[in-house]
Structures are given as structure tokens and as C-alpha cells.
Amino acid sequence: MHRLILSLILSSLFILGKAQVDFGVKVGLVASDLRIHATAPYDKTLFNFSESFTPMVGLSMFMPLSDQLSFMPEIELKAKGYRQSVFQESHFITYLSVPLLVRYDPNSKLFITGGPDLAFALTQHTKVNGKLNHGGMINIGFDFALDLGIGTKIKEDFEIGLRYNPSLTNLFSMTLTDDTGEPTSELTAYHSAIQLEFRYFLRNKAE
């Protein structure tokens, strides 16, 4: 089902892109971690989750709706994950991500973006005590997130941006117990990422 949805999205973007103006290529760095929701306070030193840093590459399409408003769908290849120092573990999931963004340019330098981010899991890797294992225990095929960003134009065709990408899809859950086996807190984990990116637009010379 997820592959069918992805195929429909990519086909729609290709059809729209043929009639539109600008495309862009981008690279960046993703700093990702876990956002933990707990039903009761717990000792965070039990896990010591911390950030992981991974590269990102992508394509952007720029479709003007008005002088200041645009539709900017994208395709990204990136990984999100976390590090956990107690068990010397790192976990990464590689996604094909499709942000569907609305872009607002209040002036010639500043731009603001926002919209949903549909991410389809491709692979996952776990590293424990320095040993890399392909696959993992997390059963996730699709990640739905928000994508909120701000950026500035360095030159007419070159810009830099910063995004916050909080996931709304449960990555995993766990129950903490006391010495008697009684539950003390329910933990639910979600991806949380900050993305620094650099984009170069390939302008349509016919404009």
C-alpha cells in the first residue's frame, strides 16, 4: 500500500513538474534524535538517548501560486535515527521522503516553508558495540511528520535553510517497571530532526 501511495505521489509530481518553472537540487545535514512522551516522570539516564548526524540529498520543485506564495514539493533521501550510550547502540532508518510544502516569500531574501512530510522507510541499520547489523527491531514502513522551515537567499539561485521535522508516527513504545514488576511509566518514542540544507535552483531560461 505504501509503495502504491509513493508511486501516485511521484507520478503526480512528475506531471505537475512538466508544466512548471523551476527545479532545484539540495544537500544538507540532518541532526535527529528521539522525542519521548512519558505517562509519568522517569529516570532519563536509563537510556541516555542523543543525536545522530546523517547526510541528506534531494530535489525541489518550485510552483508559483502568487507573487509571494508557492507550492514546493520535494523528494529527499535521508536517514533519521538516534544514539543510546547505555548499551553503546546507534540506530538509523533510511527514508525516501516527500515533503509537500507551501512556501511564503515575504521579501526578496527571506522565505518560510511548512507542510506535511511523507517518508517511506527503505532500510534500517543498528550498530551495537561497534558492530553493524543490517535490519533492526523497529517495525516501521511509513513515517508521517511535519516540516517547518525558514531560510534566506544567498544569491538569486542559491539559498540556505533550516527545518524542524517532528514525526507524528510512533517509532516504538516501552513500559518501565519497578522492582516488583509494577508499571511505572509508558514511553512512546517519535523521530525528531533538525535539518540544515543548501539549495541551488536550476532556473528555466525561457522565463
N, C-alpha and C. Protein backbone atom coordinates (compact mmCIF):
# COMPACT_ATOMS: atom_id res chain seq x y z
N MET A 1 0.82 -1.20 0.00
CA MET A 1 0.00 0.00 0.00
C MET A 1 0.87 1.26 0.00
N HIS A 2 1.93 1.23 0.83
CA HIS A 2 2.82 2.38 0.88
C HIS A 2 3.51 2.61 -0.46
N ARG A 3 3.87 1.52 -1.16
CA ARG A 3 4.50 1.67 -2.48
C ARG A 3 3.53 2.27 -3.49
N LEU A 4 2.25 1.90 -3.40
CA LEU A 4 1.25 2.46 -4.30
C LEU A 4 1.08 3.95 -4.06
N ILE A 5 1.04 4.36 -2.78
CA ILE A 5 0.91 5.77 -2.44
C ILE A 5 2.12 6.55 -2.96
N LEU A 6 3.32 5.98 -2.75
CA LEU A 6 4.53 6.65 -3.22
C LEU A 6 4.53 6.78 -4.73
N SER A 7 4.11 5.75 -5.45
CA SER A 7 4.07 5.79 -6.91
C SER A 7 3.11 6.87 -7.40
N LEU A 8 1.96 6.98 -6.74
CA LEU A 8 0.97 8.00 -7.13
C LEU A 8 1.51 9.41 -6.89
N ILE A 9 2.19 9.60 -5.75
CA ILE A 9 2.75 10.91 -5.44
C ILE A 9 3.82 11.30 -6.45
N LEU A 10 4.74 10.38 -6.71
CA LEU A 10 5.84 10.68 -7.64
C LEU A 10 5.31 10.92 -9.05
N SER A 11 4.30 10.16 -9.48
CA SER A 11 3.72 10.35 -10.81
C SER A 11 3.05 11.72 -10.91
N SER A 12 2.33 12.11 -9.84
CA SER A 12 1.66 13.41 -9.84
C SER A 12 2.68 14.55 -9.90
N LEU A 13 3.77 14.42 -9.13
CA LEU A 13 4.79 15.46 -9.14
C LEU A 13 5.47 15.57 -10.50
N PHE A 14 5.66 14.43 -11.17
CA PHE A 14 6.28 14.45 -12.49
C PHE A 14 5.38 15.17 -13.50
N ILE A 15 4.08 14.88 -13.44
CA ILE A 15 3.13 15.52 -14.36
C ILE A 15 3.06 17.02 -14.11
N LEU A 16 2.99 17.42 -12.81
CA LEU A 16 2.95 18.84 -12.48
C LEU A 16 4.25 19.53 -12.87
N GLY A 17 5.37 18.83 -12.65
CA GLY A 17 6.66 19.43 -12.92
C GLY A 17 6.90 19.73 -14.38
N LYS A 18 6.30 18.96 -15.27
CA LYS A 18 6.50 19.19 -16.71
C LYS A 18 5.91 20.52 -17.15
N ALA A 19 4.88 21.00 -16.41
CA ALA A 19 4.22 22.24 -16.79
C ALA A 19 4.73 23.42 -15.98
N GLN A 20 5.72 23.21 -15.12
CA GLN A 20 6.12 24.26 -14.21
C GLN A 20 7.50 24.80 -14.50
N VAL A 21 7.92 25.70 -13.61
CA VAL A 21 9.03 26.56 -13.95
C VAL A 21 10.40 26.07 -13.48
N ASP A 22 10.56 25.94 -12.16
CA ASP A 22 11.91 25.77 -11.61
C ASP A 22 12.08 24.45 -10.85
N PHE A 23 13.29 23.91 -10.98
CA PHE A 23 13.71 22.75 -10.21
C PHE A 23 14.96 23.14 -9.42
N GLY A 24 15.20 22.44 -8.34
CA GLY A 24 16.39 22.71 -7.55
C GLY A 24 17.00 21.42 -7.02
N VAL A 25 18.28 21.44 -6.80
CA VAL A 25 18.97 20.32 -6.16
C VAL A 25 19.46 20.82 -4.80
N LYS A 26 19.52 19.91 -3.82
CA LYS A 26 19.93 20.34 -2.49
C LYS A 26 20.70 19.23 -1.78
N VAL A 27 21.53 19.65 -0.85
CA VAL A 27 22.26 18.75 0.04
C VAL A 27 22.16 19.34 1.44
N GLY A 28 22.38 18.49 2.43
CA GLY A 28 22.29 19.01 3.78
C GLY A 28 22.72 18.00 4.82
N LEU A 29 22.52 18.39 6.07
CA LEU A 29 22.88 17.58 7.22
C LEU A 29 21.67 17.48 8.14
N VAL A 30 21.36 16.26 8.58
CA VAL A 30 20.22 16.01 9.46
C VAL A 30 20.73 15.64 10.84
N ALA A 31 20.30 16.39 11.86
CA ALA A 31 20.58 16.04 13.26
C ALA A 31 19.27 15.50 13.84
N SER A 32 19.24 14.20 14.11
CA SER A 32 18.00 13.57 14.57
C SER A 32 18.18 12.92 15.94
N ASP A 33 17.07 12.82 16.64
CA ASP A 33 17.04 12.28 18.00
C ASP A 33 15.66 11.68 18.21
N LEU A 34 15.38 11.27 19.43
CA LEU A 34 14.06 10.77 19.79
C LEU A 34 13.32 11.81 20.63
N ARG A 35 12.06 11.99 20.34
CA ARG A 35 11.17 12.78 21.18
C ARG A 35 10.34 11.80 22.00
N ILE A 36 10.52 11.79 23.31
CA ILE A 36 9.89 10.81 24.18
C ILE A 36 8.67 11.42 24.89
N HIS A 37 7.54 10.74 24.76
CA HIS A 37 6.35 11.08 25.54
C HIS A 37 6.20 10.04 26.65
N ALA A 38 6.12 10.48 27.90
CA ALA A 38 6.02 9.57 29.04
C ALA A 38 4.74 9.85 29.83
N THR A 39 4.10 8.79 30.30
CA THR A 39 2.88 8.95 31.10
C THR A 39 3.20 9.36 32.53
N ALA A 40 4.45 9.19 32.95
CA ALA A 40 4.89 9.59 34.28
C ALA A 40 6.38 9.89 34.23
N PRO A 41 6.90 10.71 35.13
CA PRO A 41 8.34 11.00 35.14
C PRO A 41 9.17 9.73 35.26
N TYR A 42 10.34 9.73 34.59
CA TYR A 42 11.23 8.57 34.66
C TYR A 42 12.68 9.04 34.64
N ASP A 43 13.57 8.16 34.98
CA ASP A 43 14.99 8.47 35.03
C ASP A 43 15.57 8.42 33.61
N LYS A 44 15.87 9.59 33.05
CA LYS A 44 16.34 9.66 31.66
C LYS A 44 17.73 9.08 31.48
N THR A 45 18.47 8.90 32.57
CA THR A 45 19.80 8.30 32.46
C THR A 45 19.74 6.80 32.21
N LEU A 46 18.53 6.22 32.27
CA LEU A 46 18.39 4.80 31.97
C LEU A 46 18.80 4.48 30.54
N PHE A 47 18.62 5.47 29.63
CA PHE A 47 18.88 5.24 28.21
C PHE A 47 19.93 6.18 27.62
N ASN A 48 19.90 7.45 28.07
CA ASN A 48 20.83 8.45 27.53
C ASN A 48 20.76 8.54 26.01
N PHE A 49 19.57 8.78 25.47
CA PHE A 49 19.41 8.99 24.03
C PHE A 49 20.10 10.29 23.64
N SER A 50 20.74 10.31 22.47
CA SER A 50 21.40 11.52 21.98
C SER A 50 21.29 11.59 20.46
N GLU A 51 21.76 12.71 19.90
CA GLU A 51 21.59 12.98 18.48
C GLU A 51 22.51 12.13 17.61
N SER A 52 22.03 11.89 16.40
CA SER A 52 22.85 11.30 15.34
C SER A 52 22.89 12.28 14.18
N PHE A 53 23.93 12.23 13.38
CA PHE A 53 24.11 13.17 12.27
C PHE A 53 24.29 12.38 10.98
N THR A 54 23.47 12.69 9.99
CA THR A 54 23.49 11.97 8.72
C THR A 54 23.32 12.95 7.56
N PRO A 55 23.83 12.61 6.37
CA PRO A 55 23.68 13.50 5.21
C PRO A 55 22.30 13.36 4.57
N MET A 56 21.96 14.34 3.74
CA MET A 56 20.70 14.36 3.01
C MET A 56 20.95 14.91 1.61
N VAL A 57 20.30 14.32 0.60
CA VAL A 57 20.30 14.86 -0.76
C VAL A 57 18.85 14.91 -1.23
N GLY A 58 18.55 15.84 -2.14
CA GLY A 58 17.17 15.93 -2.58
C GLY A 58 16.97 16.80 -3.81
N LEU A 59 15.73 16.79 -4.28
CA LEU A 59 15.28 17.60 -5.41
C LEU A 59 14.08 18.42 -4.98
N SER A 60 14.00 19.66 -5.46
CA SER A 60 12.88 20.54 -5.15
C SER A 60 12.20 20.99 -6.44
N MET A 61 10.88 21.20 -6.35
CA MET A 61 10.12 21.78 -7.45
C MET A 61 9.48 23.05 -6.94
N PHE A 62 9.53 24.11 -7.72
CA PHE A 62 9.05 25.42 -7.30
C PHE A 62 7.91 25.84 -8.22
N MET A 63 6.68 25.88 -7.67
CA MET A 63 5.49 26.16 -8.47
C MET A 63 4.80 27.42 -7.92
N PRO A 64 4.98 28.59 -8.54
CA PRO A 64 4.39 29.82 -8.03
C PRO A 64 2.86 29.78 -8.05
N LEU A 65 2.27 30.23 -6.95
CA LEU A 65 0.82 30.38 -6.85
C LEU A 65 0.42 31.85 -6.89
N SER A 66 1.31 32.71 -6.41
CA SER A 66 1.13 34.16 -6.45
C SER A 66 2.52 34.78 -6.35
N ASP A 67 2.59 36.09 -6.17
CA ASP A 67 3.89 36.76 -6.10
C ASP A 67 4.71 36.29 -4.89
N GLN A 68 4.04 35.94 -3.80
CA GLN A 68 4.76 35.58 -2.57
C GLN A 68 4.52 34.14 -2.11
N LEU A 69 3.56 33.47 -2.71
CA LEU A 69 3.18 32.13 -2.26
C LEU A 69 3.47 31.10 -3.35
N SER A 70 4.02 29.95 -2.94
CA SER A 70 4.38 28.90 -3.89
C SER A 70 4.11 27.53 -3.28
N PHE A 71 3.92 26.55 -4.16
CA PHE A 71 3.86 25.15 -3.76
C PHE A 71 5.22 24.55 -4.08
N MET A 72 5.86 23.91 -3.07
CA MET A 72 7.22 23.41 -3.25
C MET A 72 7.31 21.95 -2.79
N PRO A 73 6.90 21.00 -3.62
CA PRO A 73 7.09 19.59 -3.28
C PRO A 73 8.55 19.19 -3.48
N GLU A 74 8.98 18.20 -2.71
CA GLU A 74 10.36 17.77 -2.77
C GLU A 74 10.46 16.25 -2.66
N ILE A 75 11.61 15.74 -3.04
CA ILE A 75 11.97 14.34 -2.83
C ILE A 75 13.34 14.34 -2.15
N GLU A 76 13.44 13.65 -1.01
CA GLU A 76 14.69 13.61 -0.27
C GLU A 76 15.09 12.16 0.03
N LEU A 77 16.37 11.92 0.03
CA LEU A 77 16.91 10.66 0.53
C LEU A 77 17.72 11.01 1.77
N LYS A 78 17.28 10.50 2.91
CA LYS A 78 17.94 10.86 4.16
C LYS A 78 17.71 9.78 5.20
N ALA A 79 18.49 9.84 6.27
CA ALA A 79 18.35 8.89 7.37
C ALA A 79 18.03 9.66 8.65
N LYS A 80 17.22 9.05 9.49
CA LYS A 80 16.95 9.58 10.82
C LYS A 80 17.19 8.47 11.83
N GLY A 81 17.66 8.85 13.01
CA GLY A 81 17.96 7.83 14.00
C GLY A 81 18.28 8.41 15.34
N TYR A 82 19.03 7.64 16.14
CA TYR A 82 19.40 8.07 17.48
C TYR A 82 20.59 7.25 17.97
N ARG A 83 21.22 7.77 19.00
CA ARG A 83 22.28 7.04 19.69
C ARG A 83 21.84 6.80 21.12
N GLN A 84 22.30 5.68 21.66
CA GLN A 84 21.93 5.30 23.02
C GLN A 84 23.17 4.79 23.72
N SER A 85 23.69 5.59 24.67
CA SER A 85 25.02 5.33 25.22
C SER A 85 25.06 4.18 26.21
N VAL A 86 23.95 3.88 26.88
CA VAL A 86 23.98 2.83 27.91
C VAL A 86 24.36 1.49 27.32
N PHE A 87 23.77 1.14 26.16
CA PHE A 87 24.08 -0.13 25.51
C PHE A 87 25.00 0.05 24.30
N GLN A 88 25.60 1.27 24.17
CA GLN A 88 26.51 1.56 23.05
C GLN A 88 25.84 1.20 21.73
N GLU A 89 24.66 1.76 21.52
CA GLU A 89 23.85 1.41 20.35
C GLU A 89 23.52 2.65 19.52
N SER A 90 23.56 2.49 18.20
CA SER A 90 23.10 3.52 17.26
C SER A 90 22.10 2.87 16.31
N HIS A 91 21.04 3.59 16.02
CA HIS A 91 20.02 3.04 15.13
C HIS A 91 19.66 4.09 14.08
N PHE A 92 19.63 3.67 12.80
CA PHE A 92 19.32 4.59 11.70
C PHE A 92 18.31 3.94 10.76
N ILE A 93 17.35 4.73 10.31
CA ILE A 93 16.41 4.31 9.28
C ILE A 93 16.55 5.25 8.09
N THR A 94 16.80 4.69 6.91
CA THR A 94 16.91 5.48 5.69
C THR A 94 15.53 5.61 5.06
N TYR A 95 15.16 6.85 4.73
CA TYR A 95 13.84 7.13 4.18
C TYR A 95 13.92 7.78 2.80
N LEU A 96 12.94 7.47 1.97
CA LEU A 96 12.64 8.29 0.79
C LEU A 96 11.51 9.19 1.23
N SER A 97 11.82 10.46 1.37
CA SER A 97 10.90 11.42 1.98
C SER A 97 10.31 12.35 0.93
N VAL A 98 9.00 12.63 1.06
CA VAL A 98 8.31 13.52 0.12
C VAL A 98 7.63 14.64 0.89
N PRO A 99 8.35 15.75 1.17
CA PRO A 99 7.72 16.92 1.78
C PRO A 99 6.82 17.64 0.75
N LEU A 100 5.62 17.97 1.16
CA LEU A 100 4.67 18.71 0.32
C LEU A 100 4.46 20.07 0.97
N LEU A 101 5.25 21.05 0.53
CA LEU A 101 5.38 22.30 1.28
C LEU A 101 4.71 23.48 0.58
N VAL A 102 4.20 24.38 1.40
CA VAL A 102 3.78 25.71 0.95
C VAL A 102 4.89 26.67 1.36
N ARG A 103 5.29 27.50 0.42
CA ARG A 103 6.40 28.43 0.67
C ARG A 103 5.90 29.87 0.58
N TYR A 104 6.32 30.68 1.57
CA TYR A 104 5.95 32.09 1.62
C TYR A 104 7.22 32.93 1.59
N ASP A 105 7.31 33.83 0.61
CA ASP A 105 8.46 34.74 0.48
C ASP A 105 8.02 36.16 0.81
N PRO A 106 8.17 36.60 2.08
CA PRO A 106 7.71 37.95 2.45
C PRO A 106 8.53 39.07 1.81
N ASN A 107 9.78 38.76 1.45
CA ASN A 107 10.61 39.73 0.75
C ASN A 107 11.61 38.99 -0.13
N SER A 108 12.54 39.70 -0.72
CA SER A 108 13.45 39.09 -1.69
C SER A 108 14.52 38.21 -1.05
N LYS A 109 14.66 38.24 0.27
CA LYS A 109 15.70 37.47 0.95
C LYS A 109 15.15 36.32 1.78
N LEU A 110 14.08 36.57 2.52
CA LEU A 110 13.58 35.60 3.50
C LEU A 110 12.50 34.71 2.89
N PHE A 111 12.46 33.42 3.31
CA PHE A 111 11.35 32.54 2.94
C PHE A 111 11.00 31.63 4.12
N ILE A 112 9.73 31.25 4.18
CA ILE A 112 9.21 30.38 5.24
C ILE A 112 8.47 29.23 4.56
N THR A 113 8.67 28.01 5.06
CA THR A 113 8.02 26.84 4.47
C THR A 113 7.31 26.03 5.54
N GLY A 114 6.29 25.29 5.12
CA GLY A 114 5.60 24.42 6.05
C GLY A 114 4.69 23.45 5.31
N GLY A 115 4.49 22.28 5.90
CA GLY A 115 3.61 21.29 5.29
C GLY A 115 3.89 19.90 5.81
N PRO A 116 3.17 18.90 5.31
CA PRO A 116 3.39 17.52 5.73
C PRO A 116 4.61 16.91 5.04
N ASP A 117 5.17 15.90 5.69
CA ASP A 117 6.32 15.17 5.16
C ASP A 117 5.98 13.68 5.20
N LEU A 118 5.87 13.07 4.02
CA LEU A 118 5.54 11.65 3.91
C LEU A 118 6.81 10.88 3.63
N ALA A 119 7.23 10.03 4.57
CA ALA A 119 8.51 9.34 4.45
C ALA A 119 8.30 7.83 4.40
N PHE A 120 8.96 7.19 3.45
CA PHE A 120 8.82 5.75 3.24
C PHE A 120 10.15 5.08 3.58
N ALA A 121 10.13 4.18 4.56
CA ALA A 121 11.35 3.54 5.04
C ALA A 121 11.92 2.60 3.98
N LEU A 122 13.22 2.71 3.74
CA LEU A 122 13.91 1.85 2.77
C LEU A 122 14.73 0.77 3.47
N THR A 123 15.58 1.18 4.39
CA THR A 123 16.43 0.24 5.13
C THR A 123 16.61 0.75 6.55
N GLN A 124 17.04 -0.15 7.43
CA GLN A 124 17.43 0.28 8.76
C GLN A 124 18.68 -0.48 9.20
N HIS A 125 19.50 0.20 9.97
CA HIS A 125 20.78 -0.36 10.42
C HIS A 125 20.96 -0.09 11.90
N THR A 126 21.47 -1.06 12.61
CA THR A 126 21.76 -0.93 14.03
C THR A 126 23.23 -1.24 14.27
N LYS A 127 23.88 -0.38 15.04
CA LYS A 127 25.28 -0.61 15.40
C LYS A 127 25.35 -0.77 16.91
N VAL A 128 25.81 -1.93 17.37
CA VAL A 128 25.93 -2.23 18.80
C VAL A 128 27.37 -2.59 19.11
N ASN A 129 27.97 -1.81 20.04
CA ASN A 129 29.37 -2.03 20.41
C ASN A 129 30.30 -2.07 19.19
N GLY A 130 30.01 -1.17 18.23
CA GLY A 130 30.86 -1.06 17.05
C GLY A 130 30.57 -2.04 15.94
N LYS A 131 29.65 -2.97 16.15
CA LYS A 131 29.31 -3.97 15.14
C LYS A 131 28.04 -3.57 14.41
N LEU A 132 28.11 -3.48 13.08
CA LEU A 132 26.98 -3.05 12.27
C LEU A 132 26.10 -4.23 11.90
N ASN A 133 24.81 -4.10 12.15
CA ASN A 133 23.83 -5.12 11.77
C ASN A 133 22.81 -4.50 10.82
N HIS A 134 22.54 -5.16 9.70
CA HIS A 134 21.53 -4.70 8.77
C HIS A 134 20.17 -5.18 9.27
N GLY A 135 19.20 -4.28 9.25
CA GLY A 135 17.89 -4.58 9.80
C GLY A 135 17.82 -4.10 11.24
N GLY A 136 16.70 -4.37 11.89
CA GLY A 136 16.52 -3.93 13.26
C GLY A 136 15.20 -4.39 13.82
N MET A 137 14.96 -4.03 15.06
CA MET A 137 13.76 -4.48 15.74
C MET A 137 12.57 -3.54 15.54
N ILE A 138 12.81 -2.34 15.00
CA ILE A 138 11.73 -1.37 14.83
C ILE A 138 10.94 -1.71 13.57
N ASN A 139 9.65 -1.92 13.74
CA ASN A 139 8.79 -2.28 12.62
C ASN A 139 8.07 -1.04 12.12
N ILE A 140 8.68 -0.33 11.18
CA ILE A 140 8.08 0.89 10.65
C ILE A 140 8.30 0.93 9.14
N GLY A 141 7.24 1.17 8.40
CA GLY A 141 7.36 1.27 6.96
C GLY A 141 7.05 2.66 6.45
N PHE A 142 6.36 3.45 7.29
CA PHE A 142 5.93 4.78 6.86
C PHE A 142 6.01 5.73 8.05
N ASP A 143 6.49 6.94 7.80
CA ASP A 143 6.61 7.95 8.85
C ASP A 143 5.94 9.23 8.37
N PHE A 144 4.97 9.71 9.13
CA PHE A 144 4.29 10.97 8.81
C PHE A 144 4.80 12.04 9.76
N ALA A 145 5.29 13.13 9.20
CA ALA A 145 5.87 14.20 10.02
C ALA A 145 5.42 15.56 9.51
N LEU A 146 5.69 16.57 10.30
CA LEU A 146 5.53 17.95 9.87
C LEU A 146 6.89 18.49 9.44
N ASP A 147 6.87 19.48 8.58
CA ASP A 147 8.11 20.08 8.09
C ASP A 147 7.95 21.60 8.15
N LEU A 148 8.66 22.23 9.09
CA LEU A 148 8.55 23.67 9.32
C LEU A 148 9.92 24.29 9.15
N GLY A 149 10.03 25.28 8.26
CA GLY A 149 11.36 25.79 7.97
C GLY A 149 11.42 27.28 7.71
N ILE A 150 12.64 27.79 7.75
CA ILE A 150 12.91 29.19 7.44
C ILE A 150 14.27 29.24 6.74
N GLY A 151 14.44 30.21 5.86
CA GLY A 151 15.70 30.29 5.15
C GLY A 151 15.92 31.64 4.52
N THR A 152 17.06 31.77 3.86
CA THR A 152 17.39 33.03 3.21
C THR A 152 18.11 32.76 1.89
N LYS A 153 17.94 33.67 0.96
CA LYS A 153 18.64 33.58 -0.32
C LYS A 153 20.01 34.22 -0.20
N ILE A 154 21.04 33.47 -0.58
CA ILE A 154 22.40 34.00 -0.60
C ILE A 154 22.64 34.72 -1.92
N LYS A 155 22.20 34.10 -3.01
CA LYS A 155 22.19 34.69 -4.34
C LYS A 155 20.84 34.36 -4.97
N GLU A 156 20.62 34.79 -6.17
CA GLU A 156 19.34 34.58 -6.83
C GLU A 156 18.98 33.10 -6.92
N ASP A 157 19.94 32.26 -7.21
CA ASP A 157 19.67 30.83 -7.40
C ASP A 157 20.19 29.95 -6.26
N PHE A 158 20.76 30.55 -5.24
CA PHE A 158 21.35 29.76 -4.15
C PHE A 158 20.79 30.22 -2.81
N GLU A 159 20.36 29.26 -1.99
CA GLU A 159 19.78 29.60 -0.70
C GLU A 159 20.13 28.58 0.37
N ILE A 160 20.00 28.99 1.61
CA ILE A 160 20.27 28.14 2.75
C ILE A 160 19.04 28.13 3.66
N GLY A 161 18.74 26.97 4.23
CA GLY A 161 17.54 26.87 5.05
C GLY A 161 17.74 25.97 6.25
N LEU A 162 16.88 26.16 7.24
CA LEU A 162 16.89 25.35 8.45
C LEU A 162 15.47 24.87 8.71
N ARG A 163 15.31 23.57 8.99
CA ARG A 163 13.98 22.99 9.18
C ARG A 163 13.89 22.19 10.47
N TYR A 164 12.68 22.21 11.02
CA TYR A 164 12.35 21.35 12.16
C TYR A 164 11.37 20.31 11.64
N ASN A 165 11.67 19.03 11.93
CA ASN A 165 10.91 17.93 11.34
C ASN A 165 10.46 16.94 12.44
N PRO A 166 9.37 17.28 13.17
CA PRO A 166 8.87 16.37 14.22
C PRO A 166 7.94 15.32 13.63
N SER A 167 8.18 14.07 13.98
CA SER A 167 7.34 12.97 13.49
C SER A 167 6.08 12.84 14.33
N LEU A 168 5.01 12.39 13.69
CA LEU A 168 3.75 12.11 14.37
C LEU A 168 3.47 10.61 14.40
N THR A 169 4.40 9.81 13.86
CA THR A 169 4.24 8.36 13.82
C THR A 169 5.03 7.72 14.96
N ASN A 170 4.38 6.85 15.70
CA ASN A 170 5.02 6.15 16.81
C ASN A 170 6.14 5.25 16.29
N LEU A 171 7.37 5.50 16.74
CA LEU A 171 8.51 4.69 16.33
C LEU A 171 8.57 3.40 17.13
N PHE A 172 8.45 3.51 18.44
CA PHE A 172 8.34 2.33 19.31
C PHE A 172 7.82 2.77 20.67
N SER A 173 7.35 1.80 21.45
CA SER A 173 6.84 2.04 22.79
C SER A 173 7.47 1.05 23.76
N MET A 174 7.52 1.43 25.02
CA MET A 174 8.03 0.51 26.04
C MET A 174 7.39 0.85 27.39
N THR A 175 7.34 -0.15 28.26
CA THR A 175 6.79 0.01 29.59
C THR A 175 7.91 -0.14 30.62
N LEU A 176 8.07 0.85 31.48
CA LEU A 176 9.04 0.78 32.56
C LEU A 176 8.36 0.23 33.81
N THR A 177 9.08 -0.60 34.54
CA THR A 177 8.51 -1.20 35.75
C THR A 177 9.45 -0.98 36.93
N ASP A 178 8.90 -1.15 38.14
CA ASP A 178 9.72 -1.06 39.35
C ASP A 178 10.26 -2.45 39.71
N ASP A 179 10.87 -2.57 40.87
CA ASP A 179 11.49 -3.83 41.28
C ASP A 179 10.49 -4.96 41.47
N THR A 180 9.22 -4.59 41.66
CA THR A 180 8.20 -5.62 41.86
C THR A 180 7.50 -6.00 40.56
N GLY A 181 7.89 -5.35 39.48
CA GLY A 181 7.25 -5.64 38.20
C GLY A 181 6.04 -4.78 37.90
N GLU A 182 5.73 -3.82 38.78
CA GLU A 182 4.59 -2.93 38.55
C GLU A 182 4.99 -1.83 37.57
N PRO A 183 4.10 -1.56 36.58
CA PRO A 183 4.41 -0.49 35.62
C PRO A 183 4.53 0.87 36.31
N THR A 184 5.54 1.63 35.91
CA THR A 184 5.75 2.97 36.47
C THR A 184 5.55 4.07 35.43
N SER A 185 5.80 3.74 34.15
CA SER A 185 5.64 4.75 33.10
C SER A 185 5.58 4.07 31.73
N GLU A 186 4.76 4.62 30.87
CA GLU A 186 4.69 4.17 29.48
C GLU A 186 5.42 5.19 28.61
N LEU A 187 6.41 4.73 27.85
CA LEU A 187 7.18 5.62 26.99
C LEU A 187 6.82 5.38 25.52
N THR A 188 6.63 6.46 24.78
CA THR A 188 6.38 6.39 23.34
C THR A 188 7.41 7.28 22.65
N ALA A 189 8.09 6.72 21.66
CA ALA A 189 9.19 7.42 21.00
C ALA A 189 8.80 7.83 19.59
N TYR A 190 9.23 9.04 19.21
CA TYR A 190 8.99 9.59 17.87
C TYR A 190 10.30 10.18 17.36
N HIS A 191 10.48 10.15 16.03
CA HIS A 191 11.60 10.86 15.44
C HIS A 191 11.46 12.36 15.70
N SER A 192 12.59 13.03 15.86
CA SER A 192 12.64 14.49 15.91
C SER A 192 13.93 14.91 15.23
N ALA A 193 13.84 15.81 14.26
CA ALA A 193 15.04 16.14 13.47
C ALA A 193 15.11 17.63 13.16
N ILE A 194 16.33 18.11 13.08
CA ILE A 194 16.63 19.46 12.58
C ILE A 194 17.51 19.29 11.35
N GLN A 195 17.16 20.00 10.30
CA GLN A 195 17.84 19.80 9.01
C GLN A 195 18.41 21.11 8.49
N LEU A 196 19.71 21.12 8.25
CA LEU A 196 20.38 22.25 7.60
C LEU A 196 20.56 21.89 6.13
N GLU A 197 20.15 22.79 5.23
CA GLU A 197 20.23 22.44 3.81
C GLU A 197 20.66 23.62 2.96
N PHE A 198 21.26 23.26 1.81
CA PHE A 198 21.70 24.23 0.82
C PHE A 198 21.06 23.85 -0.51
N ARG A 199 20.39 24.80 -1.14
CA ARG A 199 19.65 24.52 -2.37
C ARG A 199 20.13 25.42 -3.50
N TYR A 200 20.28 24.80 -4.68
CA TYR A 200 20.61 25.55 -5.89
C TYR A 200 19.51 25.32 -6.91
N PHE A 201 18.88 26.40 -7.36
CA PHE A 201 17.79 26.30 -8.32
C PHE A 201 18.32 26.33 -9.76
N LEU A 202 17.75 25.43 -10.57
CA LEU A 202 18.05 25.37 -12.00
C LEU A 202 16.94 26.12 -12.71
N ARG A 203 17.14 27.39 -12.93
CA ARG A 203 16.10 28.25 -13.46
C ARG A 203 15.79 27.95 -14.91
N ASN A 204 14.50 28.08 -15.24
CA ASN A 204 14.05 27.91 -16.61
C ASN A 204 14.43 29.18 -17.39
N LYS A 205 15.30 29.05 -18.35
CA LYS A 205 15.81 30.20 -19.08
C LYS A 205 14.76 30.86 -19.98
N ALA A 206 13.62 30.16 -20.15
CA ALA A 206 12.57 30.73 -21.01
C ALA A 206 11.78 31.81 -20.30
N GLU A 207 11.95 31.94 -18.95
CA GLU A 207 11.20 32.94 -18.19
C GLU A 207 11.63 34.34 -18.57
